Amino acid sequence: MVARLLNLAYRVRGLDYVTNLSPMHPPYHLYEFTLESFVQHGRRTSYSVVDHRFYVCETFLPRVVDRLANRVMTATNTGMQLEVWLRAA
């Protein structure tokens, strides 16, 4: 959710930045994977997603915004950290 908000803010400002592909902070992720990307990759490479869970974690946003963001992420199951359990075919 936070990545989407930041990407929207960049777009509104007319910038060509994206938070999920640019190395803005440690650990400098180059790519951000979604549950759907695991499902699609599994179809091509013979594994399946058995289970998954989204965890709400620190957003590094201002405290007032962070509290609201945490509530929204909890209510909508859209936390920032994705745990995926896979099964080989």
PDB file of N, CA and C in Angstrom:
ATOM      1  N   MET A   1       0.817  -1.187   0.000  1.00  0.00           N
ATOM      2  CA  MET A   1       0.000   0.000   0.000  1.00  0.00           C
ATOM      3  C   MET A   1       0.866   1.258   0.000  1.00  0.00           C
ATOM      4  N   VAL A   2       1.920   1.284   0.789  1.00  0.00           N
ATOM      5  CA  VAL A   2       2.771   2.465   0.871  1.00  0.00           C
ATOM      6  C   VAL A   2       3.469   2.706  -0.464  1.00  0.00           C
ATOM      7  N   ALA A   3       3.938   1.644  -1.103  1.00  0.00           N
ATOM      8  CA  ALA A   3       4.585   1.802  -2.409  1.00  0.00           C
ATOM      9  C   ALA A   3       3.619   2.416  -3.420  1.00  0.00           C
ATOM     10  N   ARG A   4       2.369   1.987  -3.381  1.00  0.00           N
ATOM     11  CA  ARG A   4       1.370   2.551  -4.303  1.00  0.00           C
ATOM     12  C   ARG A   4       1.149   4.030  -4.034  1.00  0.00           C
ATOM     13  N   LEU A   5       1.077   4.390  -2.751  1.00  0.00           N
ATOM     14  CA  LEU A   5       0.892   5.805  -2.406  1.00  0.00           C
ATOM     15  C   LEU A   5       2.078   6.650  -2.852  1.00  0.00           C
ATOM     16  N   LEU A   6       3.286   6.158  -2.616  1.00  0.00           N
ATOM     17  CA  LEU A   6       4.470   6.901  -3.037  1.00  0.00           C
ATOM     18  C   LEU A   6       4.543   7.017  -4.562  1.00  0.00           C
ATOM     19  N   ASN A   7       4.233   5.931  -5.266  1.00  0.00           N
ATOM     20  CA  ASN A   7       4.235   5.988  -6.734  1.00  0.00           C
ATOM     21  C   ASN A   7       3.214   6.999  -7.246  1.00  0.00           C
ATOM     22  N   LEU A   8       2.051   7.053  -6.603  1.00  0.00           N
ATOM     23  CA  LEU A   8       1.038   8.035  -6.971  1.00  0.00           C
ATOM     24  C   LEU A   8       1.545   9.456  -6.718  1.00  0.00           C
ATOM     25  N   ALA A   9       2.191   9.677  -5.586  1.00  0.00           N
ATOM     26  CA  ALA A   9       2.731  11.003  -5.259  1.00  0.00           C
ATOM     27  C   ALA A   9       3.777  11.426  -6.289  1.00  0.00           C
ATOM     28  N   TYR A  10       4.629  10.498  -6.700  1.00  0.00           N
ATOM     29  CA  TYR A  10       5.623  10.821  -7.734  1.00  0.00           C
ATOM     30  C   TYR A  10       4.942  11.189  -9.050  1.00  0.00           C
ATOM     31  N   ARG A  11       3.928  10.398  -9.411  1.00  0.00           N
ATOM     32  CA  ARG A  11       3.217  10.643 -10.672  1.00  0.00           C
ATOM     33  C   ARG A  11       2.529  12.012 -10.657  1.00  0.00           C
ATOM     34  N   VAL A  12       1.892  12.340  -9.529  1.00  0.00           N
ATOM     35  CA  VAL A  12       1.201  13.625  -9.400  1.00  0.00           C
ATOM     36  C   VAL A  12       2.190  14.784  -9.540  1.00  0.00           C
ATOM     37  N   ARG A  13       3.399  14.591  -9.016  1.00  0.00           N
ATOM     38  CA  ARG A  13       4.424  15.635  -9.108  1.00  0.00           C
ATOM     39  C   ARG A  13       5.106  15.669 -10.480  1.00  0.00           C
ATOM     40  N   GLY A  14       4.745  14.733 -11.360  1.00  0.00           N
ATOM     41  CA  GLY A  14       5.311  14.710 -12.698  1.00  0.00           C
ATOM     42  C   GLY A  14       6.683  14.071 -12.765  1.00  0.00           C
ATOM     43  N   LEU A  15       7.049  13.302 -11.738  1.00  0.00           N
ATOM     44  CA  LEU A  15       8.352  12.644 -11.714  1.00  0.00           C
ATOM     45  C   LEU A  15       8.243  11.241 -12.297  1.00  0.00           C
ATOM     46  N   ASP A  16       9.330  10.747 -12.846  1.00  0.00           N
ATOM     47  CA  ASP A  16       9.312   9.392 -13.403  1.00  0.00           C
ATOM     48  C   ASP A  16       9.925   8.385 -12.434  1.00  0.00           C
ATOM     49  N   TYR A  17       9.877   8.660 -11.135  1.00  0.00           N
ATOM     50  CA  TYR A  17      10.385   7.757 -10.116  1.00  0.00           C
ATOM     51  C   TYR A  17       9.356   6.675  -9.797  1.00  0.00           C
ATOM     52  N   VAL A  18       9.828   5.527  -9.339  1.00  0.00           N
ATOM     53  CA  VAL A  18       8.973   4.510  -8.744  1.00  0.00           C
ATOM     54  C   VAL A  18       9.691   3.963  -7.526  1.00  0.00           C
ATOM     55  N   THR A  19       8.972   3.816  -6.448  1.00  0.00           N
ATOM     56  CA  THR A  19       9.596   3.407  -5.196  1.00  0.00           C
ATOM     57  C   THR A  19       9.998   1.947  -5.165  1.00  0.00           C
ATOM     58  N   ASN A  20       9.306   1.081  -5.904  1.00  0.00           N
ATOM     59  CA  ASN A  20       9.602  -0.345  -5.825  1.00  0.00           C
ATOM     60  C   ASN A  20      10.760  -0.783  -6.714  1.00  0.00           C
ATOM     61  N   LEU A  21      11.247   0.045  -7.596  1.00  0.00           N
ATOM     62  CA  LEU A  21      12.361  -0.332  -8.459  1.00  0.00           C
ATOM     63  C   LEU A  21      13.605   0.515  -8.255  1.00  0.00           C
ATOM     64  N   SER A  22      13.503   1.602  -7.530  1.00  0.00           N
ATOM     65  CA  SER A  22      14.668   2.442  -7.323  1.00  0.00           C
ATOM     66  C   SER A  22      15.271   2.184  -5.945  1.00  0.00           C
ATOM     67  N   PRO A  23      16.585   2.108  -5.861  1.00  0.00           N
ATOM     68  CA  PRO A  23      17.223   1.832  -4.577  1.00  0.00           C
ATOM     69  C   PRO A  23      17.197   3.060  -3.679  1.00  0.00           C
ATOM     70  N   MET A  24      16.116   3.208  -2.906  1.00  0.00           N
ATOM     71  CA  MET A  24      15.941   4.406  -2.089  1.00  0.00           C
ATOM     72  C   MET A  24      16.414   4.211  -0.655  1.00  0.00           C
ATOM     73  N   HIS A  25      16.446   2.981  -0.173  1.00  0.00           N
ATOM     74  CA  HIS A  25      16.848   2.722   1.206  1.00  0.00           C
ATOM     75  C   HIS A  25      17.287   1.267   1.338  1.00  0.00           C
ATOM     76  N   PRO A  26      18.109   0.964   2.337  1.00  0.00           N
ATOM     77  CA  PRO A  26      18.508  -0.435   2.538  1.00  0.00           C
ATOM     78  C   PRO A  26      17.279  -1.294   2.762  1.00  0.00           C
ATOM     79  N   PRO A  27      17.231  -2.490   2.282  1.00  0.00           N
ATOM     80  CA  PRO A  27      18.294  -3.279   1.661  1.00  0.00           C
ATOM     81  C   PRO A  27      18.388  -3.120   0.151  1.00  0.00           C
ATOM     82  N   TYR A  28      17.933  -2.027  -0.409  1.00  0.00           N
ATOM     83  CA  TYR A  28      18.093  -1.706  -1.835  1.00  0.00           C
ATOM     84  C   TYR A  28      17.531  -2.778  -2.757  1.00  0.00           C
ATOM     85  N   HIS A  29      16.265  -3.119  -2.552  1.00  0.00           N
ATOM     86  CA  HIS A  29      15.599  -4.094  -3.412  1.00  0.00           C
ATOM     87  C   HIS A  29      15.521  -3.576  -4.841  1.00  0.00           C
ATOM     88  N   LEU A  30      15.784  -4.441  -5.774  1.00  0.00           N
ATOM     89  CA  LEU A  30      15.649  -4.078  -7.180  1.00  0.00           C
ATOM     90  C   LEU A  30      14.257  -4.367  -7.701  1.00  0.00           C
ATOM     91  N   TYR A  31      13.603  -5.360  -7.135  1.00  0.00           N
ATOM     92  CA  TYR A  31      12.278  -5.746  -7.592  1.00  0.00           C
ATOM     93  C   TYR A  31      11.378  -5.993  -6.394  1.00  0.00           C
ATOM     94  N   GLU A  32      10.111  -5.828  -6.597  1.00  0.00           N
ATOM     95  CA  GLU A  32       9.125  -6.093  -5.562  1.00  0.00           C
ATOM     96  C   GLU A  32       8.195  -7.170  -6.096  1.00  0.00           C
ATOM     97  N   PHE A  33       8.070  -8.273  -5.371  1.00  0.00           N
ATOM     98  CA  PHE A  33       7.262  -9.395  -5.826  1.00  0.00           C
ATOM     99  C   PHE A  33       5.899  -9.369  -5.159  1.00  0.00           C
ATOM    100  N   THR A  34       4.894  -9.743  -5.908  1.00  0.00           N
ATOM    101  CA  THR A  34       3.528  -9.801  -5.405  1.00  0.00           C
ATOM    102  C   THR A  34       3.093 -11.256  -5.329  1.00  0.00           C
ATOM    103  N   LEU A  35       1.989 -11.484  -4.655  1.00  0.00           N
ATOM    104  CA  LEU A  35       1.442 -12.840  -4.605  1.00  0.00           C
ATOM    105  C   LEU A  35       1.149 -13.330  -6.014  1.00  0.00           C
ATOM    106  N   GLU A  36       0.591 -12.472  -6.846  1.00  0.00           N
ATOM    107  CA  GLU A  36       0.267 -12.855  -8.227  1.00  0.00           C
ATOM    108  C   GLU A  36       1.527 -13.221  -9.017  1.00  0.00           C
ATOM    109  N   SER A  37       2.647 -12.538  -8.761  1.00  0.00           N
ATOM    110  CA  SER A  37       3.878 -12.883  -9.482  1.00  0.00           C
ATOM    111  C   SER A  37       4.366 -14.281  -9.090  1.00  0.00           C
ATOM    112  N   PHE A  38       4.190 -14.669  -7.819  1.00  0.00           N
ATOM    113  CA  PHE A  38       4.546 -16.029  -7.415  1.00  0.00           C
ATOM    114  C   PHE A  38       3.628 -17.052  -8.078  1.00  0.00           C
ATOM    115  N   VAL A  39       2.339 -16.763  -8.131  1.00  0.00           N
ATOM    116  CA  VAL A  39       1.381 -17.686  -8.757  1.00  0.00           C
ATOM    117  C   VAL A  39       1.719 -17.877 -10.233  1.00  0.00           C
ATOM    118  N   GLN A  40       1.945 -16.790 -10.942  1.00  0.00           N
ATOM    119  CA  GLN A  40       2.246 -16.890 -12.376  1.00  0.00           C
ATOM    120  C   GLN A  40       3.574 -17.596 -12.622  1.00  0.00           C
ATOM    121  N   HIS A  41       4.596 -17.260 -11.841  1.00  0.00           N
ATOM    122  CA  HIS A  41       5.893 -17.911 -12.011  1.00  0.00           C
ATOM    123  C   HIS A  41       5.780 -19.402 -11.709  1.00  0.00           C
ATOM    124  N   GLY A  42       4.985 -19.763 -10.701  1.00  0.00           N
ATOM    125  CA  GLY A  42       4.786 -21.170 -10.366  1.00  0.00           C
ATOM    126  C   GLY A  42       4.158 -21.958 -11.493  1.00  0.00           C
ATOM    127  N   ARG A  43       3.245 -21.346 -12.200  1.00  0.00           N
ATOM    128  CA  ARG A  43       2.617 -22.023 -13.352  1.00  0.00           C
ATOM    129  C   ARG A  43       3.656 -22.354 -14.417  1.00  0.00           C
ATOM    130  N   ARG A  44       4.607 -21.457 -14.603  1.00  0.00           N
ATOM    131  CA  ARG A  44       5.628 -21.664 -15.644  1.00  0.00           C
ATOM    132  C   ARG A  44       6.736 -22.617 -15.195  1.00  0.00           C
ATOM    133  N   THR A  45       6.961 -22.716 -13.877  1.00  0.00           N
ATOM    134  CA  THR A  45       8.113 -23.483 -13.404  1.00  0.00           C
ATOM    135  C   THR A  45       7.748 -24.633 -12.470  1.00  0.00           C
ATOM    136  N   SER A  46       6.497 -25.016 -12.434  1.00  0.00           N
ATOM    137  CA  SER A  46       6.020 -26.217 -11.735  1.00  0.00           C
ATOM    138  C   SER A  46       6.122 -26.164 -10.217  1.00  0.00           C
ATOM    139  N   TYR A  47       5.663 -25.094  -9.624  1.00  0.00           N
ATOM    140  CA  TYR A  47       5.433 -25.084  -8.184  1.00  0.00           C
ATOM    141  C   TYR A  47       4.113 -24.370  -7.944  1.00  0.00           C
ATOM    142  N   SER A  48       3.588 -24.529  -6.745  1.00  0.00           N
ATOM    143  CA  SER A  48       2.325 -23.872  -6.441  1.00  0.00           C
ATOM    144  C   SER A  48       2.429 -23.129  -5.112  1.00  0.00           C
ATOM    145  N   VAL A  49       1.634 -22.097  -4.980  1.00  0.00           N
ATOM    146  CA  VAL A  49       1.553 -21.350  -3.737  1.00  0.00           C
ATOM    147  C   VAL A  49       0.606 -22.098  -2.819  1.00  0.00           C
ATOM    148  N   VAL A  50       1.104 -22.548  -1.677  1.00  0.00           N
ATOM    149  CA  VAL A  50       0.310 -23.304  -0.721  1.00  0.00           C
ATOM    150  C   VAL A  50      -0.410 -22.364   0.233  1.00  0.00           C
ATOM    151  N   ASP A  51       0.284 -21.335   0.682  1.00  0.00           N
ATOM    152  CA  ASP A  51      -0.292 -20.398   1.640  1.00  0.00           C
ATOM    153  C   ASP A  51       0.465 -19.074   1.539  1.00  0.00           C
ATOM    154  N   HIS A  52      -0.124 -18.040   2.067  1.00  0.00           N
ATOM    155  CA  HIS A  52       0.547 -16.743   2.093  1.00  0.00           C
ATOM    156  C   HIS A  52      -0.014 -15.908   3.236  1.00  0.00           C
ATOM    157  N   ARG A  53       0.744 -14.905   3.611  1.00  0.00           N
ATOM    158  CA  ARG A  53       0.298 -13.975   4.654  1.00  0.00           C
ATOM    159  C   ARG A  53       0.976 -12.634   4.432  1.00  0.00           C
ATOM    160  N   PHE A  54       0.217 -11.568   4.625  1.00  0.00           N
ATOM    161  CA  PHE A  54       0.762 -10.218   4.566  1.00  0.00           C
ATOM    162  C   PHE A  54       0.956  -9.718   5.993  1.00  0.00           C
ATOM    163  N   TYR A  55       2.112  -9.165   6.267  1.00  0.00           N
ATOM    164  CA  TYR A  55       2.414  -8.613   7.580  1.00  0.00           C
ATOM    165  C   TYR A  55       2.459  -7.095   7.494  1.00  0.00           C
ATOM    166  N   VAL A  56       1.842  -6.449   8.462  1.00  0.00           N
ATOM    167  CA  VAL A  56       1.929  -4.997   8.580  1.00  0.00           C
ATOM    168  C   VAL A  56       3.233  -4.698   9.292  1.00  0.00           C
ATOM    169  N   CYS A  57       4.024  -3.812   8.740  1.00  0.00           N
ATOM    170  CA  CYS A  57       5.302  -3.482   9.358  1.00  0.00           C
ATOM    171  C   CYS A  57       5.511  -1.970   9.326  1.00  0.00           C
ATOM    172  N   GLU A  58       6.625  -1.525   9.834  1.00  0.00           N
ATOM    173  CA  GLU A  58       6.904  -0.097   9.921  1.00  0.00           C
ATOM    174  C   GLU A  58       6.910   0.536   8.530  1.00  0.00           C
ATOM    175  N   THR A  59       6.222   1.663   8.393  1.00  0.00           N
ATOM    176  CA  THR A  59       6.108   2.326   7.097  1.00  0.00           C
ATOM    177  C   THR A  59       7.116   3.451   6.914  1.00  0.00           C
ATOM    178  N   PHE A  60       7.679   3.940   7.998  1.00  0.00           N
ATOM    179  CA  PHE A  60       8.603   5.075   7.983  1.00  0.00           C
ATOM    180  C   PHE A  60       7.914   6.360   7.530  1.00  0.00           C
ATOM    181  N   LEU A  61       6.602   6.375   7.614  1.00  0.00           N
ATOM    182  CA  LEU A  61       5.826   7.582   7.330  1.00  0.00           C
ATOM    183  C   LEU A  61       5.687   8.381   8.627  1.00  0.00           C
ATOM    184  N   PRO A  62       5.263   9.643   8.553  1.00  0.00           N
ATOM    185  CA  PRO A  62       5.005  10.396   9.785  1.00  0.00           C
ATOM    186  C   PRO A  62       4.034   9.629  10.686  1.00  0.00           C
ATOM    187  N   ARG A  63       4.202   9.767  11.996  1.00  0.00           N
ATOM    188  CA  ARG A  63       3.462   8.959  12.976  1.00  0.00           C
ATOM    189  C   ARG A  63       1.952   8.959  12.746  1.00  0.00           C
ATOM    190  N   VAL A  64       1.373  10.119  12.483  1.00  0.00           N
ATOM    191  CA  VAL A  64      -0.081  10.198  12.286  1.00  0.00           C
ATOM    192  C   VAL A  64      -0.489   9.384  11.063  1.00  0.00           C
ATOM    193  N   VAL A  65       0.260   9.514   9.988  1.00  0.00           N
ATOM    194  CA  VAL A  65      -0.038   8.780   8.758  1.00  0.00           C
ATOM    195  C   VAL A  65       0.241   7.290   8.959  1.00  0.00           C
ATOM    196  N   ASP A  66       1.305   6.973   9.692  1.00  0.00           N
ATOM    197  CA  ASP A  66       1.670   5.585   9.948  1.00  0.00           C
ATOM    198  C   ASP A  66       0.551   4.843  10.673  1.00  0.00           C
ATOM    199  N   ARG A  67      -0.033   5.475  11.671  1.00  0.00           N
ATOM    200  CA  ARG A  67      -1.121   4.840  12.409  1.00  0.00           C
ATOM    201  C   ARG A  67      -2.307   4.541  11.499  1.00  0.00           C
ATOM    202  N   LEU A  68      -2.660   5.500  10.672  1.00  0.00           N
ATOM    203  CA  LEU A  68      -3.764   5.298   9.737  1.00  0.00           C
ATOM    204  C   LEU A  68      -3.415   4.207   8.721  1.00  0.00           C
ATOM    205  N   ALA A  69      -2.210   4.263   8.183  1.00  0.00           N
ATOM    206  CA  ALA A  69      -1.786   3.265   7.194  1.00  0.00           C
ATOM    207  C   ALA A  69      -1.801   1.864   7.793  1.00  0.00           C
ATOM    208  N   ASN A  70      -1.339   1.727   9.037  1.00  0.00           N
ATOM    209  CA  ASN A  70      -1.349   0.417   9.686  1.00  0.00           C
ATOM    210  C   ASN A  70      -2.768  -0.116   9.858  1.00  0.00           C
ATOM    211  N   ARG A  71      -3.690   0.757  10.208  1.00  0.00           N
ATOM    212  CA  ARG A  71      -5.089   0.328  10.353  1.00  0.00           C
ATOM    213  C   ARG A  71      -5.663  -0.128   9.015  1.00  0.00           C
ATOM    214  N   VAL A  72      -5.393   0.646   7.968  1.00  0.00           N
ATOM    215  CA  VAL A  72      -5.905   0.295   6.637  1.00  0.00           C
ATOM    216  C   VAL A  72      -5.295  -1.018   6.162  1.00  0.00           C
ATOM    217  N   MET A  73      -3.974  -1.182   6.335  1.00  0.00           N
ATOM    218  CA  MET A  73      -3.316  -2.416   5.898  1.00  0.00           C
ATOM    219  C   MET A  73      -3.844  -3.625   6.667  1.00  0.00           C
ATOM    220  N   THR A  74      -4.097  -3.463   7.960  1.00  0.00           N
ATOM    221  CA  THR A  74      -4.644  -4.555   8.760  1.00  0.00           C
ATOM    222  C   THR A  74      -6.054  -4.911   8.297  1.00  0.00           C
ATOM    223  N   ALA A  75      -6.874  -3.904   8.072  1.00  0.00           N
ATOM    224  CA  ALA A  75      -8.267  -4.134   7.683  1.00  0.00           C
ATOM    225  C   ALA A  75      -8.391  -4.731   6.285  1.00  0.00           C
ATOM    226  N   THR A  76      -7.471  -4.394   5.390  1.00  0.00           N
ATOM    227  CA  THR A  76      -7.578  -4.842   3.997  1.00  0.00           C
ATOM    228  C   THR A  76      -6.616  -5.969   3.644  1.00  0.00           C
ATOM    229  N   ASN A  77      -5.865  -6.461   4.638  1.00  0.00           N
ATOM    230  CA  ASN A  77      -4.891  -7.526   4.409  1.00  0.00           C
ATOM    231  C   ASN A  77      -3.921  -7.157   3.285  1.00  0.00           C
ATOM    232  N   THR A  78      -3.367  -5.950   3.370  1.00  0.00           N
ATOM    233  CA  THR A  78      -2.426  -5.467   2.358  1.00  0.00           C
ATOM    234  C   THR A  78      -1.128  -4.997   2.997  1.00  0.00           C
ATOM    235  N   GLY A  79      -0.636  -5.744   3.961  1.00  0.00           N
ATOM    236  CA  GLY A  79       0.612  -5.368   4.623  1.00  0.00           C
ATOM    237  C   GLY A  79       1.771  -5.283   3.654  1.00  0.00           C
ATOM    238  N   MET A  80       2.859  -4.720   4.121  1.00  0.00           N
ATOM    239  CA  MET A  80       4.015  -4.461   3.258  1.00  0.00           C
ATOM    240  C   MET A  80       4.953  -5.652   3.119  1.00  0.00           C
ATOM    241  N   GLN A  81       4.849  -6.637   3.983  1.00  0.00           N
ATOM    242  CA  GLN A  81       5.729  -7.794   3.906  1.00  0.00           C
ATOM    243  C   GLN A  81       4.902  -9.024   3.558  1.00  0.00           C
ATOM    244  N   LEU A  82       5.305  -9.710   2.514  1.00  0.00           N
ATOM    245  CA  LEU A  82       4.589 -10.891   2.032  1.00  0.00           C
ATOM    246  C   LEU A  82       5.376 -12.150   2.378  1.00  0.00           C
ATOM    247  N   GLU A  83       4.716 -13.090   3.024  1.00  0.00           N
ATOM    248  CA  GLU A  83       5.291 -14.414   3.290  1.00  0.00           C
ATOM    249  C   GLU A  83       4.559 -15.400   2.395  1.00  0.00           C
ATOM    250  N   VAL A  84       5.314 -16.198   1.642  1.00  0.00           N
ATOM    251  CA  VAL A  84       4.721 -17.140   0.697  1.00  0.00           C
ATOM    252  C   VAL A  84       5.273 -18.543   0.971  1.00  0.00           C
ATOM    253  N   TRP A  85       4.376 -19.510   1.085  1.00  0.00           N
ATOM    254  CA  TRP A  85       4.758 -20.913   1.242  1.00  0.00           C
ATOM    255  C   TRP A  85       4.506 -21.608  -0.096  1.00  0.00           C
ATOM    256  N   LEU A  86       5.519 -22.308  -0.588  1.00  0.00           N
ATOM    257  CA  LEU A  86       5.446 -22.925  -1.905  1.00  0.00           C
ATOM    258  C   LEU A  86       5.545 -24.448  -1.800  1.00  0.00           C
ATOM    259  N   ARG A  87       5.014 -25.135  -2.823  1.00  0.00           N
ATOM    260  CA  ARG A  87       5.123 -26.591  -2.914  1.00  0.00           C
ATOM    261  C   ARG A  87       5.622 -26.936  -4.315  1.00  0.00           C
ATOM    262  N   ALA A  88       6.686 -27.716  -4.363  1.00  0.00           N
ATOM    263  CA  ALA A  88       7.215 -28.163  -5.644  1.00  0.00           C
ATOM    264  C   ALA A  88       6.286 -29.201  -6.241  1.00  0.00           C
ATOM    265  N   ALA A  89       6.172 -29.175  -7.547  1.00  0.00           N
ATOM    266  CA  ALA A  89       5.276 -30.130  -8.236  1.00  0.00           C
ATOM    267  C   ALA A  89       5.933 -31.474  -8.374  1.00  0.00           C
TER     268      ALA A  89
END
